[in-house]
C-alpha atoms as a PDB file:
ATOM      1  CA  MET A   1     -58.030  -1.725 -76.282  1.00  0.00           C
ATOM      2  CA  PRO A   2     -55.859   0.100 -73.546  1.00  0.00           C
ATOM      3  CA  LEU A   3     -53.596  -2.550 -71.569  1.00  0.00           C
ATOM      4  CA  THR A   4     -55.483  -4.925 -69.483  1.00  0.00           C
ATOM      5  CA  THR A   5     -54.937  -8.080 -67.735  1.00  0.00           C
ATOM      6  CA  ARG A   6     -56.184 -11.440 -68.270  1.00  0.00           C
ATOM      7  CA  GLN A   7     -55.959 -14.485 -67.264  1.00  0.00           C
ATOM      8  CA  PHE A   8     -55.228 -17.449 -69.371  1.00  0.00           C
ATOM      9  CA  GLY A   9     -55.274 -20.865 -67.705  1.00  0.00           C
ATOM     10  CA  PRO A  10     -52.297 -20.414 -65.168  1.00  0.00           C
ATOM     11  CA  LEU A  11     -50.830 -17.660 -67.013  1.00  0.00           C
ATOM     12  CA  SER A  12     -51.581 -13.920 -66.039  1.00  0.00           C
ATOM     13  CA  CYS A  13     -50.969 -12.056 -69.180  1.00  0.00           C
ATOM     14  CA  GLN A  14     -50.879  -8.556 -70.207  1.00  0.00           C
ATOM     15  CA  ILE A  15     -53.015  -7.878 -73.366  1.00  0.00           C
ATOM     16  CA  TYR A  16     -51.901  -4.241 -75.811  1.00  0.00           C
ATOM     17  CA  ASP A  17     -53.019  -3.270 -78.859  1.00  0.00           C
ATOM     18  CA  ASN A  18     -54.825  -0.235 -80.506  1.00  0.00           C
ATOM     19  CA  LEU A  19     -57.796  -2.077 -82.415  1.00  0.00           C
ATOM     20  CA  PRO A  20     -61.233  -1.093 -82.323  1.00  0.00           C
ATOM     21  CA  ALA A  21     -63.375  -2.786 -79.747  1.00  0.00           C
ATOM     22  CA  ASP A  22     -65.402  -4.877 -82.473  1.00  0.00           C
ATOM     23  CA  GLN A  23     -61.948  -5.989 -84.300  1.00  0.00           C
ATOM     24  CA  SER A  24     -59.913  -8.556 -84.121  1.00  0.00           C
ATOM     25  CA  PRO A  25     -56.141  -8.820 -85.083  1.00  0.00           C
ATOM     26  CA  ASP A  26     -54.734 -10.162 -88.064  1.00  0.00           C
ATOM     27  CA  VAL A  27     -51.626 -11.134 -85.786  1.00  0.00           C
ATOM     28  CA  ILE A  28     -51.229 -11.968 -82.458  1.00  0.00           C
ATOM     29  CA  ALA A  29     -47.404 -11.497 -81.113  1.00  0.00           C
ATOM     30  CA  ILE A  30     -46.735 -13.327 -78.010  1.00  0.00           C
ATOM     31  CA  VAL A  31     -43.648 -12.065 -76.003  1.00  0.00           C
ATOM     32  CA  SER A  32     -41.986 -14.068 -73.508  1.00  0.00           C
ATOM     33  CA  HIS A  33     -39.760 -12.334 -70.635  1.00  0.00           C
ATOM     34  CA  GLY A  34     -36.665 -14.248 -69.943  1.00  0.00           C
ATOM     35  CA  PHE A  35     -35.273 -16.178 -66.519  1.00  0.00           C
ATOM     36  CA  GLY A  36     -35.836 -13.528 -63.433  1.00  0.00           C
ATOM     37  CA  ALA A  37     -37.689 -11.023 -65.442  1.00  0.00           C
ATOM     38  CA  PRO A  38     -40.943  -9.778 -63.910  1.00  0.00           C
ATOM     39  CA  GLY A  39     -43.530 -10.767 -66.375  1.00  0.00           C
ATOM     40  CA  ASP A  40     -44.199  -6.998 -67.150  1.00  0.00           C
ATOM     41  CA  ASP A  41     -41.110  -6.160 -68.034  1.00  0.00           C
ATOM     42  CA  LEU A  42     -41.141  -6.224 -71.736  1.00  0.00           C
ATOM     43  CA  VAL A  43     -44.463  -4.471 -72.191  1.00  0.00           C
ATOM     44  CA  PRO A  44     -43.502  -1.314 -72.984  1.00  0.00           C
ATOM     45  CA  LEU A  45     -42.246  -2.615 -76.634  1.00  0.00           C
ATOM     46  CA  GLY A  46     -46.250  -3.438 -77.538  1.00  0.00           C
ATOM     47  CA  PRO A  47     -46.693   0.655 -77.472  1.00  0.00           C
ATOM     48  CA  GLU A  48     -43.063   1.734 -78.904  1.00  0.00           C
ATOM     49  CA  ILE A  49     -43.606  -0.945 -82.020  1.00  0.00           C
ATOM     50  CA  LEU A  50     -46.977   0.585 -82.887  1.00  0.00           C
ATOM     51  CA  ARG A  51     -45.184   4.088 -82.443  1.00  0.00           C
ATOM     52  CA  ASN A  52     -42.675   3.175 -84.521  1.00  0.00           C
ATOM     53  CA  GLN A  53     -45.020   1.145 -87.122  1.00  0.00           C
ATOM     54  CA  PRO A  54     -48.376   2.574 -87.522  1.00  0.00           C
ATOM     55  CA  GLN A  55     -49.204   0.478 -90.349  1.00  0.00           C
ATOM     56  CA  LEU A  56     -49.733  -2.447 -87.650  1.00  0.00           C
ATOM     57  CA  SER A  57     -51.732  -0.459 -85.393  1.00  0.00           C
ATOM     58  CA  GLU A  58     -55.027  -1.853 -86.753  1.00  0.00           C
ATOM     59  CA  ARG A  59     -53.766  -5.531 -86.780  1.00  0.00           C
ATOM     60  CA  VAL A  60     -51.696  -6.725 -84.185  1.00  0.00           C
ATOM     61  CA  ARG A  61     -52.319  -7.703 -80.572  1.00  0.00           C
ATOM     62  CA  PHE A  62     -49.403  -7.861 -78.092  1.00  0.00           C
ATOM     63  CA  ILE A  63     -49.937 -10.897 -75.474  1.00  0.00           C
ATOM     64  CA  PHE A  64     -47.001 -10.609 -72.406  1.00  0.00           C
ATOM     65  CA  PRO A  65     -47.219 -13.667 -70.424  1.00  0.00           C
ATOM     66  CA  ALA A  66     -45.831 -13.706 -66.804  1.00  0.00           C
ATOM     67  CA  ALA A  67     -44.262 -16.903 -66.042  1.00  0.00           C
ATOM     68  CA  PRO A  68     -45.908 -19.194 -64.015  1.00  0.00           C
ATOM     69  CA  LEU A  69     -42.929 -19.816 -61.489  1.00  0.00           C
ATOM     70  CA  SER A  70     -41.895 -17.350 -58.512  1.00  0.00           C
ATOM     71  CA  LEU A  71     -38.270 -16.796 -57.809  1.00  0.00           C
ATOM     72  CA  LEU A  72     -38.679 -15.264 -54.603  1.00  0.00           C
ATOM     73  CA  GLU A  73     -37.081 -18.348 -52.752  1.00  0.00           C
ATOM     74  CA  MET A  74     -34.099 -17.742 -54.704  1.00  0.00           C
ATOM     75  CA  GLY A  75     -33.823 -13.980 -53.756  1.00  0.00           C
ATOM     76  CA  MET A  76     -35.611 -12.260 -56.807  1.00  0.00           C
ATOM     77  CA  PRO A  77     -38.876 -11.000 -55.697  1.00  0.00           C
ATOM     78  CA  GLY A  78     -41.055 -10.221 -58.786  1.00  0.00           C
ATOM     79  CA  GLY A  79     -39.031 -12.235 -60.984  1.00  0.00           C
ATOM     80  CA  ARG A  80     -40.320 -15.088 -62.937  1.00  0.00           C
ATOM     81  CA  ALA A  81     -39.220 -18.270 -64.841  1.00  0.00           C
ATOM     82  CA  TRP A  82     -40.929 -20.595 -67.181  1.00  0.00           C
ATOM     83  CA  TRP A  83     -38.516 -23.389 -66.003  1.00  0.00           C
ATOM     84  CA  MET A  84     -36.178 -23.923 -62.929  1.00  0.00           C
ATOM     85  CA  LEU A  85     -32.696 -23.606 -63.851  1.00  0.00           C
ATOM     86  CA  ASP A  86     -29.421 -23.977 -61.675  1.00  0.00           C
ATOM     87  CA  VAL A  87     -27.609 -20.817 -61.814  1.00  0.00           C
ATOM     88  CA  ALA A  88     -24.869 -21.755 -59.679  1.00  0.00           C
ATOM     89  CA  GLU A  89     -24.270 -24.752 -62.010  1.00  0.00           C
ATOM     90  CA  LEU A  90     -24.746 -22.138 -64.937  1.00  0.00           C
ATOM     91  CA  ASN A  91     -21.827 -19.781 -63.054  1.00  0.00           C
ATOM     92  CA  ALA A  92     -19.637 -22.340 -62.334  1.00  0.00           C
ATOM     93  CA  ALA A  93     -19.632 -23.400 -66.351  1.00  0.00           C
ATOM     94  CA  ILE A  94     -18.429 -19.553 -67.275  1.00  0.00           C
ATOM     95  CA  ALA A  95     -15.737 -19.564 -64.332  1.00  0.00           C
END
């Protein structure tokens, strides 16, 4: 299966595997991005892992969900979040 997109509830997910069309995976790896990242930033990991670990090619399906919250209003176009963070508070704690 080449890269496909599928909706699971409110989540838009990119899905990648090398499985034959009639085969179910032994393992599903759900890879979640961090705060502010776009939903597809980690997608290249799927092909890279399978290239480096060919024994996984017919066993693993990767699912890369995009977090449900947009960060556009925080000045981060394309940025997504699983939950909101108070960035100002975090920055103050670091200083």
